[in-house]
Amino acid sequence: MAPLPHGGLLVSVAGARFGRFPGRPRAVTPGVGRPRAWRRRASFGILATGALCVAYGYFVEPYWPEVTHVRIVSSRLGPGARPIRVVLLSDLHSDPKPRLEDRLPALVMAQRPDLVVYTGDSINSLDALPVFRRCMTRLAAIAPTFAVRGNWDSWYWGDVDLFGGTGVRELDGHAERVDVGGASVWIGGVAVGHEQLVQRALEEIPGGGPALFLYHYPYPDVLPEGARGKVDLYCTGHTHGGQVALPLYGAIITLTKYGKRYEAGLYRVGALWMYVNRGIGLEGGRAPRVRFFARPEITVVEIEPEARS
């Protein structure tokens, strides 16, 4: 018998394995095919669910921002003073093709903020600089806007003028005052890599009015314990809320020294309120370009006076 070519050999092996040569009846055992069919359906269901999750994380959630409202109380606001409304943004991670940057100013304007603060990580590439700067310019036209540099801004774009000409006031080791509804509000901040300037920025906050401090990482220990009483709200970001999170568990990874301890949201740390914003954009480099159970976030913080006793 002439040897079979490779293709014929594969057919012979397959036929011997599954008993499907022409003219050879296939033995059927009642009930045997049902588990196999069930496994096929289960496998298909798992694959389909996975594909839907990936599609949702790629096409839907990065373009679906959430507006979060929180309230804190400041003893430095006089009795009867009106609340101060602050919009906190972080981690735009702009790319050359806009995602939310063109919609973001209108979403912020709808919140009627007194102040806008931004805690860094601005662009994923130099080609994205026009997209980022256009967004910042429009935000600064809504309300006084203050910003600090995040780790991406300091590590990769330290020589790039991110905010010049946009109207945004960049903070790095100093504090500035803005008057809101008759109250003097102080905003201090420092860039990643310039932590040695934290004390200098805090010293410029006199302590007579509400105060905010901006820093990219959710590290409350960057503020000396003795100075935390001067700050009403520590504004931060960096974690992206994990960017990929799981129901009932939260962030899978946060890339911080605290792990999941400060992954997203409002935290009380001693006398200090700290808010960790989930950010707007997507991590650059080799990170997955998806968000899952960690929607882009616009945080609206109302700073209110203490209730009269």
C-alpha atoms as a PDB file:
ATOM      1  CA  MET A   1       0.000   0.000   0.000  1.00  0.00           C
ATOM      2  CA  ALA A   2       1.366   3.309  -1.045  1.00  0.00           C
ATOM      3  CA  PRO A   3       2.140   5.633   1.871  1.00  0.00           C
ATOM      4  CA  LEU A   4      -0.407   8.336   2.513  1.00  0.00           C
ATOM      5  CA  PRO A   5       0.658  11.949   2.037  1.00  0.00           C
ATOM      6  CA  HIS A   6       0.739  14.105   5.181  1.00  0.00           C
ATOM      7  CA  GLY A   7      -2.782  15.396   4.568  1.00  0.00           C
ATOM      8  CA  GLY A   8      -4.089  11.844   4.156  1.00  0.00           C
ATOM      9  CA  LEU A   9      -2.362  10.793   7.344  1.00  0.00           C
ATOM     10  CA  LEU A  10      -4.112  13.581   9.259  1.00  0.00           C
ATOM     11  CA  VAL A  11      -7.467  12.531   7.827  1.00  0.00           C
ATOM     12  CA  SER A  12      -6.791   8.903   8.764  1.00  0.00           C
ATOM     13  CA  VAL A  13      -5.847   9.835  12.313  1.00  0.00           C
ATOM     14  CA  ALA A  14      -8.871  12.091  12.618  1.00  0.00           C
ATOM     15  CA  GLY A  15     -11.106   9.406  11.191  1.00  0.00           C
ATOM     16  CA  ALA A  16      -9.737   6.795  13.543  1.00  0.00           C
ATOM     17  CA  ARG A  17     -10.152   9.206  16.524  1.00  0.00           C
ATOM     18  CA  PHE A  18     -13.734  10.158  15.821  1.00  0.00           C
ATOM     19  CA  GLY A  19     -14.953   7.097  13.855  1.00  0.00           C
ATOM     20  CA  ARG A  20     -16.119   9.060  10.825  1.00  0.00           C
ATOM     21  CA  PHE A  21     -14.864   7.031   7.832  1.00  0.00           C
ATOM     22  CA  PRO A  22     -17.516   6.806   5.107  1.00  0.00           C
ATOM     23  CA  GLY A  23     -19.647   3.724   5.415  1.00  0.00           C
ATOM     24  CA  ARG A  24     -18.646   3.064   9.011  1.00  0.00           C
ATOM     25  CA  PRO A  25     -21.594   3.491  11.357  1.00  0.00           C
ATOM     26  CA  ARG A  26     -21.025   5.700  14.401  1.00  0.00           C
ATOM     27  CA  ALA A  27     -21.901   4.177  17.725  1.00  0.00           C
ATOM     28  CA  VAL A  28     -24.235   6.349  19.750  1.00  0.00           C
ATOM     29  CA  THR A  29     -24.600   5.977  23.477  1.00  0.00           C
ATOM     30  CA  PRO A  30     -27.729   7.608  24.891  1.00  0.00           C
ATOM     31  CA  GLY A  31     -26.948  10.829  26.822  1.00  0.00           C
ATOM     32  CA  VAL A  32     -23.234  10.921  25.941  1.00  0.00           C
ATOM     33  CA  GLY A  33     -23.543  13.881  23.543  1.00  0.00           C
ATOM     34  CA  ARG A  34     -25.379  16.107  25.987  1.00  0.00           C
ATOM     35  CA  PRO A  35     -22.465  16.969  28.304  1.00  0.00           C
ATOM     36  CA  ARG A  36     -20.290  17.670  25.273  1.00  0.00           C
ATOM     37  CA  ALA A  37     -22.938  20.011  23.834  1.00  0.00           C
ATOM     38  CA  TRP A  38     -23.307  21.702  27.218  1.00  0.00           C
ATOM     39  CA  ARG A  39     -19.556  22.291  27.373  1.00  0.00           C
ATOM     40  CA  ARG A  40     -19.612  23.804  23.903  1.00  0.00           C
ATOM     41  CA  ARG A  41     -22.421  26.167  24.869  1.00  0.00           C
ATOM     42  CA  ALA A  42     -20.666  27.117  28.114  1.00  0.00           C
ATOM     43  CA  SER A  43     -17.403  27.800  26.274  1.00  0.00           C
ATOM     44  CA  PHE A  44     -19.215  29.916  23.718  1.00  0.00           C
ATOM     45  CA  GLY A  45     -20.976  31.846  26.485  1.00  0.00           C
ATOM     46  CA  ILE A  46     -17.702  32.562  28.265  1.00  0.00           C
ATOM     47  CA  LEU A  47     -16.025  33.717  25.059  1.00  0.00           C
ATOM     48  CA  ALA A  48     -18.995  35.896  24.115  1.00  0.00           C
ATOM     49  CA  THR A  49     -19.107  37.473  27.577  1.00  0.00           C
ATOM     50  CA  GLY A  50     -15.383  38.177  27.437  1.00  0.00           C
ATOM     51  CA  ALA A  51     -15.703  39.765  24.006  1.00  0.00           C
ATOM     52  CA  LEU A  52     -18.575  41.964  25.212  1.00  0.00           C
ATOM     53  CA  CYS A  53     -16.564  43.070  28.263  1.00  0.00           C
ATOM     54  CA  VAL A  54     -13.577  43.993  26.112  1.00  0.00           C
ATOM     55  CA  ALA A  55     -15.786  45.888  23.662  1.00  0.00           C
ATOM     56  CA  TYR A  56     -17.489  47.735  26.521  1.00  0.00           C
ATOM     57  CA  GLY A  57     -14.154  48.621  28.126  1.00  0.00           C
ATOM     58  CA  TYR A  58     -12.738  49.865  24.844  1.00  0.00           C
ATOM     59  CA  PHE A  59     -15.669  51.558  23.121  1.00  0.00           C
ATOM     60  CA  VAL A  60     -18.053  52.602  25.913  1.00  0.00           C
ATOM     61  CA  GLU A  61     -16.648  53.305  29.362  1.00  0.00           C
ATOM     62  CA  PRO A  62     -13.718  55.577  28.351  1.00  0.00           C
ATOM     63  CA  TYR A  63     -16.301  57.911  26.777  1.00  0.00           C
ATOM     64  CA  TRP A  64     -18.849  57.747  29.621  1.00  0.00           C
ATOM     65  CA  PRO A  65     -17.829  60.193  32.376  1.00  0.00           C
ATOM     66  CA  GLU A  66     -19.399  60.196  35.809  1.00  0.00           C
ATOM     67  CA  VAL A  67     -20.016  63.342  37.859  1.00  0.00           C
ATOM     68  CA  THR A  68     -19.481  62.642  41.569  1.00  0.00           C
ATOM     69  CA  HIS A  69     -20.766  65.053  44.245  1.00  0.00           C
ATOM     70  CA  VAL A  70     -19.307  65.190  47.756  1.00  0.00           C
ATOM     71  CA  ARG A  71     -19.599  67.649  50.641  1.00  0.00           C
ATOM     72  CA  ILE A  72     -17.103  68.566  53.329  1.00  0.00           C
ATOM     73  CA  VAL A  73     -17.264  71.095  56.161  1.00  0.00           C
ATOM     74  CA  SER A  74     -14.678  73.793  56.853  1.00  0.00           C
ATOM     75  CA  SER A  75     -14.411  75.608  60.165  1.00  0.00           C
ATOM     76  CA  ARG A  76     -12.599  78.359  58.278  1.00  0.00           C
ATOM     77  CA  LEU A  77     -15.729  79.403  56.433  1.00  0.00           C
ATOM     78  CA  GLY A  78     -17.608  81.975  58.460  1.00  0.00           C
ATOM     79  CA  PRO A  79     -21.154  81.275  59.695  1.00  0.00           C
ATOM     80  CA  GLY A  80     -23.647  82.012  56.960  1.00  0.00           C
ATOM     81  CA  ALA A  81     -21.007  81.959  54.220  1.00  0.00           C
ATOM     82  CA  ARG A  82     -22.097  80.358  50.998  1.00  0.00           C
ATOM     83  CA  PRO A  83     -20.569  77.001  50.036  1.00  0.00           C
ATOM     84  CA  ILE A  84     -17.560  76.960  47.728  1.00  0.00           C
ATOM     85  CA  ARG A  85     -17.861  74.632  44.762  1.00  0.00           C
ATOM     86  CA  VAL A  86     -14.675  73.028  43.470  1.00  0.00           C
ATOM     87  CA  VAL A  87     -14.375  70.783  40.411  1.00  0.00           C
ATOM     88  CA  LEU A  88     -11.504  68.310  40.698  1.00  0.00           C
ATOM     89  CA  LEU A  89     -10.020  66.721  37.572  1.00  0.00           C
ATOM     90  CA  SER A  90      -6.996  64.510  37.087  1.00  0.00           C
ATOM     91  CA  ASP A  91      -5.107  62.303  34.632  1.00  0.00           C
ATOM     92  CA  LEU A  92      -6.300  63.525  31.257  1.00  0.00           C
ATOM     93  CA  HIS A  93      -3.575  61.440  29.560  1.00  0.00           C
ATOM     94  CA  SER A  94      -4.458  63.116  26.280  1.00  0.00           C
ATOM     95  CA  ASP A  95      -3.699  61.394  22.986  1.00  0.00           C
ATOM     96  CA  PRO A  96      -3.538  63.060  19.539  1.00  0.00           C
ATOM     97  CA  LYS A  97      -7.121  61.959  18.904  1.00  0.00           C
ATOM     98  CA  PRO A  98      -9.435  63.481  21.554  1.00  0.00           C
ATOM     99  CA  ARG A  99     -11.626  61.288  23.708  1.00  0.00           C
ATOM    100  CA  LEU A 100     -13.370  63.460  26.303  1.00  0.00           C
ATOM    101  CA  GLU A 101     -11.264  66.619  25.968  1.00  0.00           C
ATOM    102  CA  ASP A 102     -13.698  68.382  23.637  1.00  0.00           C
ATOM    103  CA  ARG A 103     -16.726  67.530  25.806  1.00  0.00           C
ATOM    104  CA  LEU A 104     -15.118  68.095  29.176  1.00  0.00           C
ATOM    105  CA  PRO A 105     -15.365  71.916  29.380  1.00  0.00           C
ATOM    106  CA  ALA A 106     -19.126  71.873  28.813  1.00  0.00           C
ATOM    107  CA  LEU A 107     -19.548  69.159  31.435  1.00  0.00           C
ATOM    108  CA  VAL A 108     -17.522  71.211  33.914  1.00  0.00           C
ATOM    109  CA  MET A 109     -19.376  74.424  33.102  1.00  0.00           C
ATOM    110  CA  ALA A 110     -22.679  72.699  33.843  1.00  0.00           C
ATOM    111  CA  GLN A 111     -21.494  72.242  37.454  1.00  0.00           C
ATOM    112  CA  ARG A 112     -21.072  76.034  37.905  1.00  0.00           C
ATOM    113  CA  PRO A 113     -17.755  75.776  39.767  1.00  0.00           C
ATOM    114  CA  ASP A 114     -16.055  78.546  41.706  1.00  0.00           C
ATOM    115  CA  LEU A 115     -12.703  76.842  41.161  1.00  0.00           C
ATOM    116  CA  VAL A 116     -11.269  74.108  38.958  1.00  0.00           C
ATOM    117  CA  VAL A 117      -8.251  72.099  40.127  1.00  0.00           C
ATOM    118  CA  TYR A 118      -6.251  69.552  38.148  1.00  0.00           C
ATOM    119  CA  THR A 119      -3.717  67.126  39.620  1.00  0.00           C
ATOM    120  CA  GLY A 120      -1.609  66.107  36.652  1.00  0.00           C
ATOM    121  CA  ASP A 121      -0.637  63.388  34.162  1.00  0.00           C
ATOM    122  CA  SER A 122      -1.532  65.366  31.096  1.00  0.00           C
ATOM    123  CA  ILE A 123      -0.336  63.856  27.807  1.00  0.00           C
ATOM    124  CA  ASN A 124       0.749  60.452  26.549  1.00  0.00           C
ATOM    125  CA  SER A 125       2.781  61.912  23.669  1.00  0.00           C
ATOM    126  CA  LEU A 126       3.968  65.308  22.449  1.00  0.00           C
ATOM    127  CA  ASP A 127       1.555  65.054  19.517  1.00  0.00           C
ATOM    128  CA  ALA A 128      -1.272  65.301  22.062  1.00  0.00           C
ATOM    129  CA  LEU A 129      -0.144  68.668  23.443  1.00  0.00           C
ATOM    130  CA  PRO A 130      -2.543  70.750  21.270  1.00  0.00           C
ATOM    131  CA  VAL A 131      -5.497  68.617  22.411  1.00  0.00           C
ATOM    132  CA  PHE A 132      -4.555  69.041  26.068  1.00  0.00           C
ATOM    133  CA  ARG A 133      -3.822  72.760  25.872  1.00  0.00           C
ATOM    134  CA  ARG A 134      -7.084  73.472  24.044  1.00  0.00           C
ATOM    135  CA  CYS A 135      -9.000  71.723  26.805  1.00  0.00           C
ATOM    136  CA  MET A 136      -7.114  73.566  29.561  1.00  0.00           C
ATOM    137  CA  THR A 137      -7.711  76.927  27.890  1.00  0.00           C
ATOM    138  CA  ARG A 138     -11.441  76.309  27.800  1.00  0.00           C
ATOM    139  CA  LEU A 139     -11.491  75.168  31.430  1.00  0.00           C
ATOM    140  CA  ALA A 140      -9.618  78.274  32.585  1.00  0.00           C
ATOM    141  CA  ALA A 141     -12.264  80.420  30.879  1.00  0.00           C
ATOM    142  CA  ILE A 142     -14.943  78.876  33.129  1.00  0.00           C
ATOM    143  CA  ALA A 143     -13.404  79.556  36.552  1.00  0.00           C
ATOM    144  CA  PRO A 144      -9.976  80.125  38.127  1.00  0.00           C
ATOM    145  CA  THR A 145      -8.066  76.941  37.360  1.00  0.00           C
ATOM    146  CA  PHE A 146      -5.032  75.582  39.207  1.00  0.00           C
ATOM    147  CA  ALA A 147      -2.828  72.616  38.311  1.00  0.00           C
ATOM    148  CA  VAL A 148       0.181  70.568  39.361  1.00  0.00           C
ATOM    149  CA  ARG A 149       2.312  68.136  37.379  1.00  0.00           C
ATOM    150  CA  GLY A 150       1.937  64.397  37.810  1.00  0.00           C
ATOM    151  CA  ASN A 151       4.562  61.707  37.403  1.00  0.00           C
ATOM    152  CA  TRP A 152       4.163  61.503  33.620  1.00  0.00           C
ATOM    153  CA  ASP A 153       4.493  65.286  33.369  1.00  0.00           C
ATOM    154  CA  SER A 154       7.640  65.351  35.501  1.00  0.00           C
ATOM    155  CA  TRP A 155       9.337  62.210  34.181  1.00  0.00           C
ATOM    156  CA  TYR A 156       8.668  62.528  30.457  1.00  0.00           C
ATOM    157  CA  TRP A 157       7.635  66.121  29.789  1.00  0.00           C
ATOM    158  CA  GLY A 158       9.570  68.070  32.399  1.00  0.00           C
ATOM    159  CA  ASP A 159      10.899  70.487  29.775  1.00  0.00           C
ATOM    160  CA  VAL A 160       7.526  70.941  28.054  1.00  0.00           C
ATOM    161  CA  ASP A 161       5.430  74.016  28.824  1.00  0.00           C
ATOM    162  CA  LEU A 162       2.111  72.306  29.448  1.00  0.00           C
ATOM    163  CA  PHE A 163       0.107  75.226  30.823  1.00  0.00           C
ATOM    164  CA  GLY A 164       1.699  78.422  29.484  1.00  0.00           C
ATOM    165  CA  GLY A 165      -0.812  80.632  27.673  1.00  0.00           C
ATOM    166  CA  THR A 166      -3.805  78.537  28.731  1.00  0.00           C
ATOM    167  CA  GLY A 167      -4.792  80.696  31.696  1.00  0.00           C
ATOM    168  CA  VAL A 168      -4.192  77.792  34.085  1.00  0.00           C
ATOM    169  CA  ARG A 169      -2.068  78.646  37.126  1.00  0.00           C
ATOM    170  CA  GLU A 170       0.588  75.990  37.659  1.00  0.00           C
ATOM    171  CA  LEU A 171       1.567  75.416  41.284  1.00  0.00           C
ATOM    172  CA  ASP A 172       4.935  74.049  42.329  1.00  0.00           C
ATOM    173  CA  GLY A 173       5.992  74.775  45.869  1.00  0.00           C
ATOM    174  CA  HIS A 174       3.824  77.813  46.408  1.00  0.00           C
ATOM    175  CA  ALA A 175       0.245  78.829  47.176  1.00  0.00           C
ATOM    176  CA  GLU A 176      -2.131  81.345  45.660  1.00  0.00           C
ATOM    177  CA  ARG A 177      -5.237  83.062  46.929  1.00  0.00           C
ATOM    178  CA  VAL A 178      -8.535  83.524  45.140  1.00  0.00           C
ATOM    179  CA  ASP A 179     -11.604  85.313  46.475  1.00  0.00           C
ATOM    180  CA  VAL A 180     -14.852  83.365  46.240  1.00  0.00           C
ATOM    181  CA  GLY A 181     -18.100  84.875  47.482  1.00  0.00           C
ATOM    182  CA  GLY A 182     -16.293  87.129  49.926  1.00  0.00           C
ATOM    183  CA  ALA A 183     -14.081  84.333  51.288  1.00  0.00           C
ATOM    184  CA  SER A 184     -10.353  84.017  50.647  1.00  0.00           C
ATOM    185  CA  VAL A 185      -9.536  80.512  49.439  1.00  0.00           C
ATOM    186  CA  TRP A 186      -5.930  79.313  49.352  1.00  0.00           C
ATOM    187  CA  ILE A 187      -4.645  76.712  46.904  1.00  0.00           C
ATOM    188  CA  GLY A 188      -1.184  75.219  47.329  1.00  0.00           C
ATOM    189  CA  GLY A 189       0.504  72.469  45.415  1.00  0.00           C
ATOM    190  CA  VAL A 190       3.669  70.735  44.356  1.00  0.00           C
ATOM    191  CA  ALA A 191       4.787  68.716  41.340  1.00  0.00           C
ATOM    192  CA  VAL A 192       5.859  65.093  41.548  1.00  0.00           C
ATOM    193  CA  GLY A 193       9.608  65.120  42.104  1.00  0.00           C
ATOM    194  CA  HIS A 194       9.568  68.400  44.029  1.00  0.00           C
ATOM    195  CA  GLU A 195       8.262  67.059  47.324  1.00  0.00           C
ATOM    196  CA  GLN A 196      10.940  69.018  49.166  1.00  0.00           C
ATOM    197  CA  LEU A 197       8.870  72.128  48.361  1.00  0.00           C
ATOM    198  CA  VAL A 198       5.753  70.956  50.218  1.00  0.00           C
ATOM    199  CA  GLN A 199       6.672  72.770  53.417  1.00  0.00           C
ATOM    200  CA  ARG A 200       7.296  76.015  51.553  1.00  0.00           C
ATOM    201  CA  ALA A 201       3.886  75.813  49.884  1.00  0.00           C
ATOM    202  CA  LEU A 202       2.186  75.161  53.216  1.00  0.00           C
ATOM    203  CA  GLU A 203       3.964  78.089  54.821  1.00  0.00           C
ATOM    204  CA  GLU A 204       2.378  80.385  52.241  1.00  0.00           C
ATOM    205  CA  ILE A 205      -1.099  79.354  53.424  1.00  0.00           C
ATOM    206  CA  PRO A 206      -1.924  81.713  56.315  1.00  0.00           C
ATOM    207  CA  GLY A 207      -4.644  79.538  57.820  1.00  0.00           C
ATOM    208  CA  GLY A 208      -7.365  82.156  57.899  1.00  0.00           C
ATOM    209  CA  GLY A 209      -9.513  80.743  55.120  1.00  0.00           C
ATOM    210  CA  PRO A 210     -10.397  77.467  53.406  1.00  0.00           C
ATOM    211  CA  ALA A 211      -7.375  75.786  51.851  1.00  0.00           C
ATOM    212  CA  LEU A 212      -6.780  73.123  49.214  1.00  0.00           C
ATOM    213  CA  PHE A 213      -3.571  71.263  48.490  1.00  0.00           C
ATOM    214  CA  LEU A 214      -2.841  69.641  45.116  1.00  0.00           C
ATOM    215  CA  TYR A 215      -0.473  66.708  44.622  1.00  0.00           C
ATOM    216  CA  HIS A 216      -0.713  63.890  42.128  1.00  0.00           C
ATOM    217  CA  TYR A 217      -0.151  60.877  44.382  1.00  0.00           C
ATOM    218  CA  PRO A 218      -2.698  59.866  47.074  1.00  0.00           C
ATOM    219  CA  TYR A 219      -0.035  59.992  49.772  1.00  0.00           C
ATOM    220  CA  PRO A 220      -1.347  61.854  52.820  1.00  0.00           C
ATOM    221  CA  ASP A 221       2.054  61.484  54.469  1.00  0.00           C
ATOM    222  CA  VAL A 222       3.454  64.011  51.990  1.00  0.00           C
ATOM    223  CA  LEU A 223       1.847  66.607  54.268  1.00  0.00           C
ATOM    224  CA  PRO A 224       3.529  66.944  57.671  1.00  0.00           C
ATOM    225  CA  GLU A 225       1.073  65.972  60.406  1.00  0.00           C
ATOM    226  CA  GLY A 226       1.428  69.322  62.117  1.00  0.00           C
ATOM    227  CA  ALA A 227       0.413  71.151  58.942  1.00  0.00           C
ATOM    228  CA  ARG A 228      -2.588  69.041  57.954  1.00  0.00           C
ATOM    229  CA  GLY A 229      -4.898  71.167  60.060  1.00  0.00           C
ATOM    230  CA  LYS A 230      -4.302  74.054  57.653  1.00  0.00           C
ATOM    231  CA  VAL A 231      -5.703  72.100  54.704  1.00  0.00           C
ATOM    232  CA  ASP A 232      -9.411  71.402  54.234  1.00  0.00           C
ATOM    233  CA  LEU A 233      -9.077  69.225  51.140  1.00  0.00           C
ATOM    234  CA  TYR A 234      -6.132  67.346  49.708  1.00  0.00           C
ATOM    235  CA  CYS A 235      -6.835  66.818  45.985  1.00  0.00           C
ATOM    236  CA  THR A 236      -5.159  63.928  44.220  1.00  0.00           C
ATOM    237  CA  GLY A 237      -5.500  61.299  41.494  1.00  0.00           C
ATOM    238  CA  HIS A 238      -3.032  58.874  39.858  1.00  0.00           C
ATOM    239  CA  THR A 239      -4.841  55.575  40.521  1.00  0.00           C
ATOM    240  CA  HIS A 240      -7.455  55.847  37.731  1.00  0.00           C
ATOM    241  CA  GLY A 241      -9.605  53.892  40.177  1.00  0.00           C
ATOM    242  CA  GLY A 242      -7.546  50.960  38.932  1.00  0.00           C
ATOM    243  CA  GLN A 243      -8.725  51.725  35.355  1.00  0.00           C
ATOM    244  CA  VAL A 244      -9.764  48.067  35.335  1.00  0.00           C
ATOM    245  CA  ALA A 245     -11.764  47.099  38.415  1.00  0.00           C
ATOM    246  CA  LEU A 246     -13.988  44.224  39.485  1.00  0.00           C
ATOM    247  CA  PRO A 247     -17.474  44.366  41.007  1.00  0.00           C
ATOM    248  CA  LEU A 248     -17.423  44.009  44.807  1.00  0.00           C
ATOM    249  CA  TYR A 249     -13.615  44.157  44.776  1.00  0.00           C
ATOM    250  CA  GLY A 250     -12.616  47.388  43.091  1.00  0.00           C
ATOM    251  CA  ALA A 251      -9.244  48.237  41.609  1.00  0.00           C
ATOM    252  CA  ILE A 252      -7.071  45.326  40.569  1.00  0.00           C
ATOM    253  CA  ILE A 253      -3.964  47.511  40.685  1.00  0.00           C
ATOM    254  CA  THR A 254      -3.379  51.129  41.763  1.00  0.00           C
ATOM    255  CA  LEU A 255       0.385  51.608  41.256  1.00  0.00           C
ATOM    256  CA  THR A 256       0.754  53.269  44.660  1.00  0.00           C
ATOM    257  CA  LYS A 257       2.669  52.356  47.792  1.00  0.00           C
ATOM    258  CA  TYR A 258      -0.647  52.049  49.657  1.00  0.00           C
ATOM    259  CA  GLY A 259      -2.159  49.475  47.312  1.00  0.00           C
ATOM    260  CA  LYS A 260      -5.950  49.478  47.607  1.00  0.00           C
ATOM    261  CA  ARG A 261      -6.055  51.568  50.774  1.00  0.00           C
ATOM    262  CA  TYR A 262      -6.652  54.814  48.872  1.00  0.00           C
ATOM    263  CA  GLU A 263      -7.846  53.629  45.470  1.00  0.00           C
ATOM    264  CA  ALA A 264     -10.643  56.136  44.724  1.00  0.00           C
ATOM    265  CA  GLY A 265     -13.089  58.452  46.446  1.00  0.00           C
ATOM    266  CA  LEU A 266     -13.217  60.483  49.657  1.00  0.00           C
ATOM    267  CA  TYR A 267     -11.109  59.558  52.686  1.00  0.00           C
ATOM    268  CA  ARG A 268     -10.756  61.003  56.157  1.00  0.00           C
ATOM    269  CA  VAL A 269      -7.126  60.856  57.289  1.00  0.00           C
ATOM    270  CA  GLY A 270      -6.934  62.328  60.772  1.00  0.00           C
ATOM    271  CA  ALA A 271      -7.998  65.953  60.461  1.00  0.00           C
ATOM    272  CA  LEU A 272      -7.548  65.854  56.688  1.00  0.00           C
ATOM    273  CA  TRP A 273     -10.062  65.189  53.928  1.00  0.00           C
ATOM    274  CA  MET A 274      -8.477  63.591  50.860  1.00  0.00           C
ATOM    275  CA  TYR A 275     -10.198  62.925  47.551  1.00  0.00           C
ATOM    276  CA  VAL A 276      -8.704  60.462  45.048  1.00  0.00           C
ATOM    277  CA  ASN A 277     -10.107  61.212  41.601  1.00  0.00           C
ATOM    278  CA  ARG A 278     -10.335  58.361  39.053  1.00  0.00           C
ATOM    279  CA  GLY A 279      -9.084  60.579  36.246  1.00  0.00           C
ATOM    280  CA  ILE A 280     -10.335  61.205  32.737  1.00  0.00           C
ATOM    281  CA  GLY A 281      -8.006  59.448  30.318  1.00  0.00           C
ATOM    282  CA  LEU A 282      -6.214  56.163  29.748  1.00  0.00           C
ATOM    283  CA  GLU A 283      -2.721  55.241  30.871  1.00  0.00           C
ATOM    284  CA  GLY A 284      -0.185  55.513  28.070  1.00  0.00           C
ATOM    285  CA  GLY A 285       2.611  53.159  27.144  1.00  0.00           C
ATOM    286  CA  ARG A 286       1.756  49.460  27.164  1.00  0.00           C
ATOM    287  CA  ALA A 287      -1.181  49.699  29.555  1.00  0.00           C
ATOM    288  CA  PRO A 288      -4.530  48.354  28.283  1.00  0.00           C
ATOM    289  CA  ARG A 289      -6.502  51.076  26.508  1.00  0.00           C
ATOM    290  CA  VAL A 290      -9.696  50.261  28.360  1.00  0.00           C
ATOM    291  CA  ARG A 291     -11.689  51.234  31.414  1.00  0.00           C
ATOM    292  CA  PHE A 292     -13.825  48.689  33.205  1.00  0.00           C
ATOM    293  CA  PHE A 293     -15.898  49.522  36.293  1.00  0.00           C
ATOM    294  CA  ALA A 294     -13.758  52.659  36.687  1.00  0.00           C
ATOM    295  CA  ARG A 295     -15.513  55.352  34.692  1.00  0.00           C
ATOM    296  CA  PRO A 296     -13.800  58.690  33.987  1.00  0.00           C
ATOM    297  CA  GLU A 297     -14.634  61.047  36.831  1.00  0.00           C
ATOM    298  CA  ILE A 298     -15.496  64.705  37.323  1.00  0.00           C
ATOM    299  CA  THR A 299     -15.584  65.389  41.060  1.00  0.00           C
ATOM    300  CA  VAL A 300     -17.656  68.261  42.442  1.00  0.00           C
ATOM    301  CA  VAL A 301     -16.738  69.145  46.025  1.00  0.00           C
ATOM    302  CA  GLU A 302     -18.928  71.495  48.049  1.00  0.00           C
ATOM    303  CA  ILE A 303     -17.021  73.096  50.929  1.00  0.00           C
ATOM    304  CA  GLU A 304     -19.606  74.244  53.456  1.00  0.00           C
ATOM    305  CA  PRO A 305     -19.436  76.207  56.728  1.00  0.00           C
ATOM    306  CA  GLU A 306     -20.044  74.426  59.989  1.00  0.00           C
ATOM    307  CA  ALA A 307     -23.673  74.278  61.037  1.00  0.00           C
ATOM    308  CA  ARG A 308     -24.662  76.727  63.750  1.00  0.00           C
ATOM    309  CA  SER A 309     -25.296  75.113  67.113  1.00  0.00           C
END
